[in-house]
Every structure is written in C-alpha cells, then in structure tokens.
C-alpha atoms as a PDB file:
ATOM      1  CA  MET A   1      26.450  -7.083  27.534  1.00  0.00           C
ATOM      2  CA  THR A   2      25.039  -3.984  28.517  1.00  0.00           C
ATOM      3  CA  SER A   3      24.906  -1.040  25.955  1.00  0.00           C
ATOM      4  CA  GLY A   4      26.148   2.094  26.573  1.00  0.00           C
ATOM      5  CA  ARG A   5      25.621   5.801  25.196  1.00  0.00           C
ATOM      6  CA  ALA A   6      24.487   6.187  22.015  1.00  0.00           C
ATOM      7  CA  THR A   7      25.166   9.029  19.715  1.00  0.00           C
ATOM      8  CA  LEU A   8      24.681  10.175  15.866  1.00  0.00           C
ATOM      9  CA  LEU A   9      27.073  11.890  13.530  1.00  0.00           C
ATOM     10  CA  GLN A  10      27.154  13.775  10.472  1.00  0.00           C
ATOM     11  CA  LEU A  11      30.334  13.984   8.833  1.00  0.00           C
ATOM     12  CA  ASN A  12      31.678  16.131   6.059  1.00  0.00           C
ATOM     13  CA  LYS A  13      33.228  14.482   2.941  1.00  0.00           C
ATOM     14  CA  GLN A  14      36.681  14.627   4.585  1.00  0.00           C
ATOM     15  CA  GLY A  15      35.407  12.638   7.606  1.00  0.00           C
ATOM     16  CA  SER A  16      35.445  15.276   9.862  1.00  0.00           C
ATOM     17  CA  ILE A  17      32.193  15.380  12.255  1.00  0.00           C
ATOM     18  CA  ILE A  18      29.871  18.491  11.723  1.00  0.00           C
ATOM     19  CA  LYS A  19      27.151  17.918  13.749  1.00  0.00           C
ATOM     20  CA  THR A  20      26.373  15.501  16.883  1.00  0.00           C
ATOM     21  CA  TRP A  21      23.141  14.348  18.168  1.00  0.00           C
ATOM     22  CA  PRO A  22      23.321  12.483  21.740  1.00  0.00           C
ATOM     23  CA  LEU A  23      20.656   9.643  21.535  1.00  0.00           C
ATOM     24  CA  THR A  24      19.959  10.246  25.778  1.00  0.00           C
ATOM     25  CA  THR A  25      17.133  11.138  28.022  1.00  0.00           C
ATOM     26  CA  LYS A  26      14.164   9.424  26.148  1.00  0.00           C
ATOM     27  CA  SER A  27      13.248   6.561  24.110  1.00  0.00           C
ATOM     28  CA  SER A  28      12.685   7.796  20.589  1.00  0.00           C
ATOM     29  CA  PHE A  29      14.062  10.288  18.140  1.00  0.00           C
ATOM     30  CA  ARG A  30      12.889  11.473  15.265  1.00  0.00           C
ATOM     31  CA  ILE A  31      14.131  12.572  12.087  1.00  0.00           C
ATOM     32  CA  GLY A  32      12.782  14.650   9.596  1.00  0.00           C
ATOM     33  CA  ARG A  33      13.024  18.337   7.941  1.00  0.00           C
ATOM     34  CA  GLY A  34       9.979  19.646  10.061  1.00  0.00           C
ATOM     35  CA  THR A  35      10.653  21.182  13.186  1.00  0.00           C
ATOM     36  CA  GLU A  36       9.214  19.241  15.533  1.00  0.00           C
ATOM     37  CA  ASN A  37      12.019  16.787  15.035  1.00  0.00           C
ATOM     38  CA  ASP A  38      14.664  15.796  17.372  1.00  0.00           C
ATOM     39  CA  ILE A  39      17.415  15.269  14.218  1.00  0.00           C
ATOM     40  CA  ILE A  40      16.014  18.043  11.902  1.00  0.00           C
ATOM     41  CA  LEU A  41      17.571  17.931   8.004  1.00  0.00           C
ATOM     42  CA  THR A  42      17.049  20.638   6.444  1.00  0.00           C
ATOM     43  CA  ASN A  43      17.022  19.796   2.415  1.00  0.00           C
ATOM     44  CA  ASN A  44      14.511  18.873  -0.006  1.00  0.00           C
ATOM     45  CA  TRP A  45      15.591  14.910   0.019  1.00  0.00           C
ATOM     46  CA  THR A  46      14.195  14.604   3.802  1.00  0.00           C
ATOM     47  CA  SER A  47      10.857  14.122   4.568  1.00  0.00           C
ATOM     48  CA  ARG A  48       8.623  16.018   7.036  1.00  0.00           C
ATOM     49  CA  GLN A  49       8.244  12.710   9.451  1.00  0.00           C
ATOM     50  CA  HIS A  50      11.443  10.336   7.280  1.00  0.00           C
ATOM     51  CA  ALA A  51      12.221   8.044  10.088  1.00  0.00           C
ATOM     52  CA  MET A  52      12.714   7.040  13.565  1.00  0.00           C
ATOM     53  CA  LEU A  53      15.450   5.376  16.020  1.00  0.00           C
ATOM     54  CA  GLN A  54      13.989   3.377  18.888  1.00  0.00           C
ATOM     55  CA  ARG A  55      15.828   2.470  21.873  1.00  0.00           C
ATOM     56  CA  GLU A  56      14.430  -1.274  22.824  1.00  0.00           C
ATOM     57  CA  GLU A  57      14.467  -2.268  26.588  1.00  0.00           C
ATOM     58  CA  ASN A  58      18.346  -4.021  26.471  1.00  0.00           C
ATOM     59  CA  GLY A  59      19.555  -0.906  25.415  1.00  0.00           C
ATOM     60  CA  PHE A  60      19.922  -1.893  21.556  1.00  0.00           C
ATOM     61  CA  PHE A  61      18.565   0.680  19.032  1.00  0.00           C
ATOM     62  CA  ASN A  62      16.086   0.005  15.789  1.00  0.00           C
ATOM     63  CA  ALA A  63      15.917   2.489  12.893  1.00  0.00           C
ATOM     64  CA  ILE A  64      11.949   2.696  11.725  1.00  0.00           C
ATOM     65  CA  ASP A  65      11.179   4.407   8.219  1.00  0.00           C
ATOM     66  CA  LEU A  66       8.055   6.382   8.635  1.00  0.00           C
ATOM     67  CA  GLY A  67       6.599   6.183   4.970  1.00  0.00           C
ATOM     68  CA  SER A  68       9.605   8.977   3.694  1.00  0.00           C
ATOM     69  CA  SER A  69       9.123   9.546   0.155  1.00  0.00           C
ATOM     70  CA  ASN A  70      13.038   8.880  -0.561  1.00  0.00           C
ATOM     71  CA  GLY A  71      13.691   5.877   1.826  1.00  0.00           C
ATOM     72  CA  THR A  72      15.999   5.001   4.466  1.00  0.00           C
ATOM     73  CA  SER A  73      18.949   2.431   4.578  1.00  0.00           C
ATOM     74  CA  ILE A  74      21.652   1.165   6.708  1.00  0.00           C
ATOM     75  CA  ASN A  75      24.821   0.278   4.957  1.00  0.00           C
ATOM     76  CA  GLY A  76      23.789   1.048   1.838  1.00  0.00           C
ATOM     77  CA  ARG A  77      20.518  -1.670   2.269  1.00  0.00           C
ATOM     78  CA  ARG A  78      16.988  -0.365   1.956  1.00  0.00           C
ATOM     79  CA  ILE A  79      14.865  -1.033   5.332  1.00  0.00           C
ATOM     80  CA  HIS A  80      11.058  -1.309   5.027  1.00  0.00           C
ATOM     81  CA  THR A  81      10.913  -3.047   8.732  1.00  0.00           C
ATOM     82  CA  PRO A  82      12.214  -1.816  12.199  1.00  0.00           C
ATOM     83  CA  THR A  83      15.924  -3.123  11.826  1.00  0.00           C
ATOM     84  CA  ARG A  84      18.751  -3.373  14.521  1.00  0.00           C
ATOM     85  CA  LEU A  85      21.259  -0.278  14.742  1.00  0.00           C
ATOM     86  CA  TYR A  86      25.144  -1.698  15.485  1.00  0.00           C
ATOM     87  CA  SER A  87      27.732   0.782  16.509  1.00  0.00           C
ATOM     88  CA  GLY A  88      29.509   2.073  12.911  1.00  0.00           C
ATOM     89  CA  ASP A  89      26.424   1.349  10.687  1.00  0.00           C
ATOM     90  CA  LEU A  90      26.064   3.986   8.290  1.00  0.00           C
ATOM     91  CA  LEU A  91      22.306   5.554   7.903  1.00  0.00           C
ATOM     92  CA  GLN A  92      20.977   6.986   4.917  1.00  0.00           C
ATOM     93  CA  ILE A  93      18.404   9.521   5.351  1.00  0.00           C
ATOM     94  CA  GLY A  94      17.257  10.088   1.762  1.00  0.00           C
ATOM     95  CA  SER A  95      19.315   9.994  -1.202  1.00  0.00           C
ATOM     96  CA  ARG A  96      21.939  13.186   0.036  1.00  0.00           C
ATOM     97  CA  THR A  97      22.461  12.162   3.588  1.00  0.00           C
ATOM     98  CA  THR A  98      24.563   9.958   5.494  1.00  0.00           C
ATOM     99  CA  LEU A  99      24.508   9.740   9.294  1.00  0.00           C
ATOM    100  CA  THR A 100      26.962   7.633  11.462  1.00  0.00           C
ATOM    101  CA  PHE A 101      25.639   5.786  14.301  1.00  0.00           C
ATOM    102  CA  MET A 102      27.947   4.806  17.076  1.00  0.00           C
ATOM    103  CA  GLN A 103      27.207   3.401  20.537  1.00  0.00           C
ATOM    104  CA  GLU A 104      29.719   2.359  23.270  1.00  0.00           C
ATOM    105  CA  GLY A 105      29.980  -1.330  24.428  1.00  0.00           C
ATOM    106  CA  ILE A 106      28.131  -2.275  21.025  1.00  0.00           C
ATOM    107  CA  PRO A 107      30.595  -3.924  18.810  1.00  0.00           C
ATOM    108  CA  GLU A 108      29.668  -3.466  14.656  1.00  0.00           C
ATOM    109  CA  GLN A 109      27.223  -5.884  13.144  1.00  0.00           C
ATOM    110  CA  LYS A 110      29.909  -8.634  11.759  1.00  0.00           C
ATOM    111  CA  ASN A 111      31.294  -9.305  14.977  1.00  0.00           C
ATOM    112  CA  PHE A 112      27.898  -8.985  16.598  1.00  0.00           C
ATOM    113  CA  ILE A 113      25.910 -13.129  16.621  1.00  0.00           C
ATOM    114  CA  ALA A 114      22.127 -12.528  16.855  1.00  0.00           C
ATOM    115  CA  GLU A 115      18.829 -14.223  15.776  1.00  0.00           C
ATOM    116  CA  ASP A 116      17.402 -13.034  12.828  1.00  0.00           C
ATOM    117  CA  ASP A 117      14.204 -12.120  15.205  1.00  0.00           C
ATOM    118  CA  GLU A 118      15.913  -9.672  17.201  1.00  0.00           C
ATOM    119  CA  ARG A 119      16.514  -7.315  14.895  1.00  0.00           C
ATOM    120  CA  THR A 120      12.490  -6.578  14.735  1.00  0.00           C
ATOM    121  CA  VAL A 121      10.871  -4.367  17.330  1.00  0.00           C
ATOM    122  CA  ALA A 122       8.192  -6.716  19.077  1.00  0.00           C
ATOM    123  CA  PHE A 123       5.501  -4.018  18.570  1.00  0.00           C
ATOM    124  CA  LEU A 124       5.738  -2.928  14.885  1.00  0.00           C
ATOM    125  CA  GLU A 125       4.722  -5.076  12.216  1.00  0.00           C
ATOM    126  CA  LYS A 126       3.414  -4.740   8.228  1.00  0.00           C
ATOM    127  CA  ASP A 127      -0.072  -5.337   7.741  1.00  0.00           C
ATOM    128  CA  GLN A 128      -2.600  -5.400   4.947  1.00  0.00           C
ATOM    129  CA  VAL A 129      -4.332  -1.815   5.877  1.00  0.00           C
ATOM    130  CA  ILE A 130      -7.700  -0.134   4.771  1.00  0.00           C
ATOM    131  CA  ILE A 131      -7.661   3.573   5.202  1.00  0.00           C
ATOM    132  CA  LEU A 132     -10.514   5.808   4.940  1.00  0.00           C
ATOM    133  CA  ILE A 133     -10.161   9.733   5.259  1.00  0.00           C
ATOM    134  CA  CYS A 134     -13.018  12.589   5.308  1.00  0.00           C
ATOM    135  CA  ASP A 135     -12.833  15.809   5.740  1.00  0.00           C
ATOM    136  CA  ILE A 136     -15.710  18.232   5.777  1.00  0.00           C
ATOM    137  CA  ARG A 137     -15.742  20.829   2.847  1.00  0.00           C
ATOM    138  CA  ASP A 138     -14.691  24.177   2.818  1.00  0.00           C
ATOM    139  CA  PHE A 139     -14.382  24.365   6.578  1.00  0.00           C
ATOM    140  CA  THR A 140     -12.322  27.271   6.777  1.00  0.00           C
ATOM    141  CA  SER A 141     -14.933  29.483   4.690  1.00  0.00           C
ATOM    142  CA  LEU A 142     -17.280  27.977   7.155  1.00  0.00           C
ATOM    143  CA  SER A 143     -15.487  28.667  10.120  1.00  0.00           C
ATOM    144  CA  GLU A 144     -15.484  32.342   8.854  1.00  0.00           C
ATOM    145  CA  GLU A 145     -19.018  33.052   8.501  1.00  0.00           C
ATOM    146  CA  ILE A 146     -20.200  31.271  11.801  1.00  0.00           C
ATOM    147  CA  GLY A 147     -17.303  31.679  14.109  1.00  0.00           C
ATOM    148  CA  ASP A 148     -15.340  29.815  16.298  1.00  0.00           C
ATOM    149  CA  LYS A 149     -17.292  28.902  19.122  1.00  0.00           C
ATOM    150  CA  ASN A 150     -20.101  27.700  16.505  1.00  0.00           C
ATOM    151  CA  ILE A 151     -17.466  25.543  14.784  1.00  0.00           C
ATOM    152  CA  SER A 152     -16.325  24.283  18.074  1.00  0.00           C
ATOM    153  CA  GLN A 153     -19.593  23.314  18.339  1.00  0.00           C
ATOM    154  CA  ILE A 154     -19.972  21.422  15.438  1.00  0.00           C
ATOM    155  CA  LEU A 155     -16.854  19.838  14.985  1.00  0.00           C
ATOM    156  CA  LYS A 156     -18.075  18.142  18.930  1.00  0.00           C
ATOM    157  CA  LEU A 157     -20.934  16.921  17.360  1.00  0.00           C
ATOM    158  CA  TRP A 158     -19.138  15.736  14.007  1.00  0.00           C
ATOM    159  CA  THR A 159     -16.614  13.723  16.411  1.00  0.00           C
ATOM    160  CA  ALA A 160     -19.047  11.649  18.036  1.00  0.00           C
ATOM    161  CA  ILE A 161     -21.077  11.030  15.299  1.00  0.00           C
ATOM    162  CA  ILE A 162     -18.215   9.837  13.372  1.00  0.00           C
ATOM    163  CA  LYS A 163     -17.166   7.672  15.759  1.00  0.00           C
ATOM    164  CA  THR A 164     -20.274   5.936  16.174  1.00  0.00           C
ATOM    165  CA  VAL A 165     -20.664   5.404  12.408  1.00  0.00           C
ATOM    166  CA  ILE A 166     -17.301   4.104  11.887  1.00  0.00           C
ATOM    167  CA  ASP A 167     -17.496   1.497  15.290  1.00  0.00           C
ATOM    168  CA  ARG A 168     -20.642   0.523  13.583  1.00  0.00           C
ATOM    169  CA  HIS A 169     -18.822   0.033  10.021  1.00  0.00           C
ATOM    170  CA  GLN A 170     -16.306  -2.239  12.293  1.00  0.00           C
ATOM    171  CA  GLY A 171     -13.422   0.470  11.468  1.00  0.00           C
ATOM    172  CA  SER A 172     -11.161   2.163  14.182  1.00  0.00           C
ATOM    173  CA  ILE A 173     -10.124   5.870  14.058  1.00  0.00           C
ATOM    174  CA  ASP A 174      -6.752   6.303  13.791  1.00  0.00           C
ATOM    175  CA  LYS A 175      -6.713   9.739  14.511  1.00  0.00           C
ATOM    176  CA  PHE A 176      -8.785  13.093  14.503  1.00  0.00           C
ATOM    177  CA  ILE A 177      -6.848  16.293  12.440  1.00  0.00           C
ATOM    178  CA  GLY A 178      -8.836  19.422  12.446  1.00  0.00           C
ATOM    179  CA  ASP A 179     -12.039  18.836  10.385  1.00  0.00           C
ATOM    180  CA  ALA A 180     -10.499  15.279   9.326  1.00  0.00           C
ATOM    181  CA  VAL A 181     -10.719  11.863  10.622  1.00  0.00           C
ATOM    182  CA  MET A 182      -8.576   8.995   9.516  1.00  0.00           C
ATOM    183  CA  ALA A 183      -9.617   5.490   9.784  1.00  0.00           C
ATOM    184  CA  THR A 184      -8.551   2.264   9.585  1.00  0.00           C
ATOM    185  CA  TRP A 185      -9.599  -1.585   8.473  1.00  0.00           C
ATOM    186  CA  ILE A 186      -6.428  -3.795   9.642  1.00  0.00           C
ATOM    187  CA  GLY A 187      -5.885  -7.350   9.059  1.00  0.00           C
ATOM    188  CA  ARG A 188      -5.458  -9.740   5.950  1.00  0.00           C
ATOM    189  CA  GLY A 189      -8.729 -11.325   6.615  1.00  0.00           C
ATOM    190  CA  ASN A 190     -11.670 -10.561   3.924  1.00  0.00           C
ATOM    191  CA  LEU A 191     -10.271  -7.776   2.166  1.00  0.00           C
ATOM    192  CA  SER A 192     -13.246  -7.303  -0.539  1.00  0.00           C
ATOM    193  CA  ARG A 193     -15.520  -7.508   2.684  1.00  0.00           C
ATOM    194  CA  ASN A 194     -13.925  -4.772   4.637  1.00  0.00           C
ATOM    195  CA  THR A 195     -13.121  -2.209   1.356  1.00  0.00           C
ATOM    196  CA  HIS A 196     -16.738  -2.366   0.948  1.00  0.00           C
ATOM    197  CA  GLN A 197     -17.546  -1.436   4.494  1.00  0.00           C
ATOM    198  CA  ALA A 198     -15.067   0.704   4.775  1.00  0.00           C
ATOM    199  CA  LEU A 199     -16.878   2.708   1.273  1.00  0.00           C
ATOM    200  CA  SER A 200     -20.208   2.114   2.873  1.00  0.00           C
ATOM    201  CA  CYS A 201     -19.008   3.542   6.231  1.00  0.00           C
ATOM    202  CA  ALA A 202     -17.836   6.880   3.868  1.00  0.00           C
ATOM    203  CA  LEU A 203     -21.531   6.904   2.005  1.00  0.00           C
ATOM    204  CA  GLU A 204     -23.194   6.736   5.944  1.00  0.00           C
ATOM    205  CA  LEU A 205     -20.501   9.325   7.120  1.00  0.00           C
ATOM    206  CA  SER A 206     -21.777  11.900   4.232  1.00  0.00           C
ATOM    207  CA  HIS A 207     -25.565  11.243   5.228  1.00  0.00           C
ATOM    208  CA  GLU A 208     -24.993  11.798   8.973  1.00  0.00           C
ATOM    209  CA  THR A 209     -23.017  14.874   8.252  1.00  0.00           C
ATOM    210  CA  LEU A 210     -25.726  16.283   5.550  1.00  0.00           C
ATOM    211  CA  LYS A 211     -28.195  15.595   8.583  1.00  0.00           C
ATOM    212  CA  LEU A 212     -26.129  17.420  11.219  1.00  0.00           C
ATOM    213  CA  GLY A 213     -25.830  20.274   9.031  1.00  0.00           C
ATOM    214  CA  GLN A 214     -29.624  20.598   8.876  1.00  0.00           C
ATOM    215  CA  LYS A 215     -30.217  20.037  12.534  1.00  0.00           C
ATOM    216  CA  VAL A 216     -28.182  23.256  13.668  1.00  0.00           C
ATOM    217  CA  ASN A 217     -29.402  25.224  10.942  1.00  0.00           C
ATOM    218  CA  LEU A 218     -26.375  26.289   8.391  1.00  0.00           C
ATOM    219  CA  GLN A 219     -27.181  28.024   5.416  1.00  0.00           C
ATOM    220  CA  LYS A 220     -25.217  25.640   2.869  1.00  0.00           C
ATOM    221  CA  PRO A 221     -25.011  21.953   3.113  1.00  0.00           C
ATOM    222  CA  LEU A 222     -22.750  20.542   5.307  1.00  0.00           C
ATOM    223  CA  ARG A 223     -20.546  17.605   3.451  1.00  0.00           C
ATOM    224  CA  ILE A 224     -17.775  15.535   3.256  1.00  0.00           C
ATOM    225  CA  GLY A 225     -14.374  14.649   0.924  1.00  0.00           C
ATOM    226  CA  ALA A 226     -13.494  10.932   1.230  1.00  0.00           C
ATOM    227  CA  ALA A 227     -10.407   9.135   0.549  1.00  0.00           C
ATOM    228  CA  LEU A 228     -10.332   5.233   0.445  1.00  0.00           C
ATOM    229  CA  ASN A 229      -7.067   3.354  -0.424  1.00  0.00           C
ATOM    230  CA  SER A 230      -5.551   0.027   0.885  1.00  0.00           C
ATOM    231  CA  GLY A 231      -1.830  -1.658   0.679  1.00  0.00           C
ATOM    232  CA  GLU A 232       0.653  -2.562   3.076  1.00  0.00           C
ATOM    233  CA  ALA A 233       1.950  -0.441   6.286  1.00  0.00           C
ATOM    234  CA  VAL A 234       3.526  -0.463   9.314  1.00  0.00           C
ATOM    235  CA  VAL A 235       1.198  -1.084  12.245  1.00  0.00           C
ATOM    236  CA  GLY A 236       2.166  -0.799  15.860  1.00  0.00           C
ATOM    237  CA  ASN A 237       2.881   1.487  18.795  1.00  0.00           C
ATOM    238  CA  ILE A 238       4.762   4.598  17.689  1.00  0.00           C
ATOM    239  CA  GLY A 239       5.830   7.312  20.117  1.00  0.00           C
ATOM    240  CA  VAL A 240       7.633   8.826  23.530  1.00  0.00           C
ATOM    241  CA  GLU A 241       7.399   7.276  26.513  1.00  0.00           C
ATOM    242  CA  GLY A 242       4.172   7.388  28.122  1.00  0.00           C
ATOM    243  CA  GLY A 243       2.733   8.521  25.171  1.00  0.00           C
ATOM    244  CA  ARG A 244       2.527   5.808  22.600  1.00  0.00           C
ATOM    245  CA  ASP A 245      -0.192   5.526  20.164  1.00  0.00           C
ATOM    246  CA  TYR A 246      -1.413   2.882  18.214  1.00  0.00           C
ATOM    247  CA  THR A 247      -1.447   4.065  14.766  1.00  0.00           C
ATOM    248  CA  VAL A 248      -0.387   3.229  11.164  1.00  0.00           C
ATOM    249  CA  ILE A 249       2.610   4.793   9.261  1.00  0.00           C
ATOM    250  CA  GLY A 250       3.874   4.606   6.026  1.00  0.00           C
ATOM    251  CA  ASP A 251       3.481   5.810   2.341  1.00  0.00           C
ATOM    252  CA  LEU A 252       0.356   4.570   2.247  1.00  0.00           C
ATOM    253  CA  VAL A 253      -0.742   6.768   4.941  1.00  0.00           C
ATOM    254  CA  ASN A 254       0.900   9.494   3.483  1.00  0.00           C
ATOM    255  CA  VAL A 255      -0.864   9.146  -0.329  1.00  0.00           C
ATOM    256  CA  THR A 256      -3.940   8.650   0.933  1.00  0.00           C
ATOM    257  CA  PHE A 257      -3.733  12.257   2.379  1.00  0.00           C
ATOM    258  CA  ARG A 258      -2.707  13.332  -0.986  1.00  0.00           C
ATOM    259  CA  LEU A 259      -5.565  11.956  -2.763  1.00  0.00           C
ATOM    260  CA  GLU A 260      -7.623  13.407  -0.312  1.00  0.00           C
ATOM    261  CA  GLU A 261      -6.620  17.027  -0.860  1.00  0.00           C
ATOM    262  CA  LEU A 262      -7.742  15.925  -4.699  1.00  0.00           C
ATOM    263  CA  THR A 263     -11.081  15.796  -4.274  1.00  0.00           C
ATOM    264  CA  GLY A 264     -12.198  19.370  -4.214  1.00  0.00           C
ATOM    265  CA  ARG A 265     -10.229  19.706  -7.692  1.00  0.00           C
ATOM    266  CA  THR A 266     -11.556  16.871  -9.408  1.00  0.00           C
ATOM    267  CA  GLY A 267     -15.123  17.983  -8.626  1.00  0.00           C
ATOM    268  CA  LYS A 268     -16.579  14.668  -7.222  1.00  0.00           C
ATOM    269  CA  ASP A 269     -16.772  13.522  -3.357  1.00  0.00           C
ATOM    270  CA  VAL A 270     -14.644  10.375  -3.669  1.00  0.00           C
ATOM    271  CA  ILE A 271     -11.283   9.376  -4.880  1.00  0.00           C
ATOM    272  CA  ILE A 272     -10.115   5.641  -4.169  1.00  0.00           C
ATOM    273  CA  GLY A 273      -6.608   4.141  -4.635  1.00  0.00           C
ATOM    274  CA  ALA A 274      -6.320   1.853  -7.803  1.00  0.00           C
ATOM    275  CA  GLU A 275      -5.253  -1.185  -4.847  1.00  0.00           C
ATOM    276  CA  ALA A 276      -8.825  -0.145  -3.141  1.00  0.00           C
ATOM    277  CA  ALA A 277     -10.966  -0.104  -6.525  1.00  0.00           C
ATOM    278  CA  LYS A 278      -9.831  -4.213  -7.476  1.00  0.00           C
ATOM    279  CA  GLU A 279     -11.690  -4.768  -4.457  1.00  0.00           C
ATOM    280  CA  LEU A 280     -14.903  -3.212  -5.583  1.00  0.00           C
ATOM    281  CA  LYS A 281     -15.299  -4.738  -9.311  1.00  0.00           C
ATOM    282  CA  PRO A 282     -19.512  -4.807  -8.541  1.00  0.00           C
ATOM    283  CA  LEU A 283     -19.135  -0.763  -8.765  1.00  0.00           C
ATOM    284  CA  SER A 284     -16.665  -0.230 -11.145  1.00  0.00           C
ATOM    285  CA  ARG A 285     -19.433   1.296 -13.270  1.00  0.00           C
ATOM    286  CA  ALA A 286     -19.459   3.880 -11.233  1.00  0.00           C
ATOM    287  CA  LEU A 287     -15.605   4.894 -11.161  1.00  0.00           C
ATOM    288  CA  THR A 288     -13.892   7.063 -13.372  1.00  0.00           C
ATOM    289  CA  ARG A 289     -10.588   6.463 -13.653  1.00  0.00           C
ATOM    290  CA  GLY A 290      -8.021   9.080 -14.017  1.00  0.00           C
ATOM    291  CA  SER A 291      -4.549   9.556 -13.136  1.00  0.00           C
ATOM    292  CA  TYR A 292      -3.304  11.990 -10.834  1.00  0.00           C
ATOM    293  CA  GLN A 293       0.025  13.826  -9.596  1.00  0.00           C
ATOM    294  CA  VAL A 294       0.375  13.845  -5.767  1.00  0.00           C
ATOM    295  CA  LYS A 295       2.892  15.917  -3.926  1.00  0.00           C
ATOM    296  CA  GLY A 296       5.877  13.829  -3.136  1.00  0.00           C
ATOM    297  CA  ARG A 297       5.442  11.279  -5.791  1.00  0.00           C
ATOM    298  CA  ARG A 298       7.543  11.801  -8.829  1.00  0.00           C
ATOM    299  CA  GLU A 299       5.052   9.675 -10.965  1.00  0.00           C
ATOM    300  CA  PRO A 300       1.407   9.992 -11.517  1.00  0.00           C
ATOM    301  CA  VAL A 301      -1.218   7.489  -8.967  1.00  0.00           C
ATOM    302  CA  THR A 302      -4.030   5.973 -10.807  1.00  0.00           C
ATOM    303  CA  ALA A 303      -7.311   6.748  -8.673  1.00  0.00           C
ATOM    304  CA  TYR A 304     -10.688   6.261  -9.158  1.00  0.00           C
ATOM    305  CA  VAL A 305     -13.265   8.737  -8.495  1.00  0.00           C
ATOM    306  CA  THR A 306     -17.364   9.040  -8.055  1.00  0.00           C
ATOM    307  CA  ASP A 307     -19.799  10.921  -5.773  1.00  0.00           C
ATOM    308  CA  PHE A 308     -22.058   9.629  -2.970  1.00  0.00           C
ATOM    309  CA  LYS A 309     -25.313   9.814  -4.983  1.00  0.00           C
ATOM    310  CA  GLN A 310     -23.958   7.246  -7.485  1.00  0.00           C
ATOM    311  CA  LEU A 311     -22.814   5.061  -4.975  1.00  0.00           C
ATOM    312  CA  GLU A 312     -26.253   5.083  -3.108  1.00  0.00           C
ATOM    313  CA  THR A 313     -27.816   3.446  -6.096  1.00  0.00           C
ATOM    314  CA  LEU A 314     -25.643   1.068  -6.151  1.00  0.00           C
ATOM    315  CA  LEU A 315     -24.116   0.129  -2.116  1.00  0.00           C
END
C-alpha cells in the first residue's frame, strides 16, 4: 500500500474546517508558537517549538513532542516517543488546540495491522543524557565596550578552546548559541563518572576562559556561568532533509537552559539540577540547595548552587 497526500486540519466546535496545512514539499513540519515554525499556533498553551510531524521513507507520518511544557497527545493519549499517525487521528497540542490528521490511502488505526516496532522512528530514541550549558557572563556589556570586531575575535578563540576542553572530557558539543555552548554526555553507562566528568569540564572551561581574557588584555575578568543537569531525553537526527543534526531535545534541555539563566541571579557560578546532584555525593558540602521558579514550569525546580572556587578545592 502506498501512502498519499497528507493534511493537517483545525476544526471549530461545530466541526467546520477553519485552517488547513498541506504536509507536502518536505519531510518534516514543526508545530509551535514561534514564527520559525511551519505550523504556527498563536496561543499561550503552545510552546515556542512544541512538536514535529515527520514523514518516513514509506510515506507514513510520525508525531514527535519536542519537550513541550503542556505536552502532545494523540487521540487523548500523551506521547513521549515518536508515534505513528493514522488518517483521522486527533493531535492535541497542549490542552487547548486539537488538530485532525488526514492522509489519502492510509486507513484509520483500528483497521490497520502493524508491528509495534513500526511505530517508532529509527533515528530517534530516548536515552540518559547529561547536559552542560556554559555562557560568557555580561556578554552584552562586554560587546558594547570593545566593539563587534573584537568580540567576534574573542568568540572565535573561545569556541576553539571550548571544543578542545570538551573533547578532553569525552563530551560532545551539541550546539553553540552566540556566547553559549551546550555539551552532552549521552548513555546509561557510568552515570556518576560522567557527571563528575561534566563538572570537571565546567571547571576547566572557567579556567581557560579567564586565561583567554587575560591574553587579550580585557579590563575585567572574562568569566562564565554554568548549568549542569541530567535525565532522560530524546536523541537523534532532527531537522529537514539535507540539514539533519544529531541533537538532544525535550524538557530536560529546556529546564537546563532556564537554570543557566538563573546563575547570575543566585550570585553563584554553577547551578546543578537535582538528578545530577545525586551523582555528586562526595561534593555535597560544596552545594547549596534551593527551590527555583523557572519559566514554563508551574512548580518550583529543586537545584543546587556553588562556585568554581569551591569546586576547585574539592575536585
């Protein structure tokens, strides 16, 4: 059986079509509140990058939640892994928007017999992930002081240093975002060892960043803030054809970025999520527990803070 043209529909309460999105021309379609998405839903219950629909080579579509705050459901059942879509399925984005998936030549789920393992996209899977996010402190004011040309040169030198340090600590660079870097340690091996490795990496990145500031004769110390977190996340190749990247997506990533934003407000250099802190028991006396409200979460998040000077005496 060959799959046909697919469409996503939005209906009003009376069942009339109020919007249609043809799922043609490419293999993946992002759904979210941000203008960069293919399917834009302008309501506060939708995350900026909420979900994605991805076409397989056989023509079938899968729905993937991108770590949204309010979740993605198919026919009332919340999904946590890539899940096959059938014609007539109701795709709920958050708690307020329900879309209907239609595809010619594809029967409804109750009439279609498929092996369970066909419902998962091969290049996406859940795994244990440790995430380290570091960014340069007071980057905006530094840019204003030394100018665009000089700040670009510093970033070029900084990213080269960071790559060397993360490689040395057996991590992988997931992405650079301006003055920030996200590194990951993926796998369910020795979680405690990998968490210590990531924290040691953050400490060395702090040293090397300070040395870089001294080398280029900055008036103020060049410093970083760091957030460390761990848990389950979806890893795999995400993106459109010709531009897929191996990356990590999910709520874990969102929370870690939110925690990193808090480092300046806590007056400390490092903030560590509760799950990662469990693996750092020998360092517990250097960690101060706190409860923090982060954007996108109704309930406060438990995390621990410290500074690089304290870590240096213990690591």
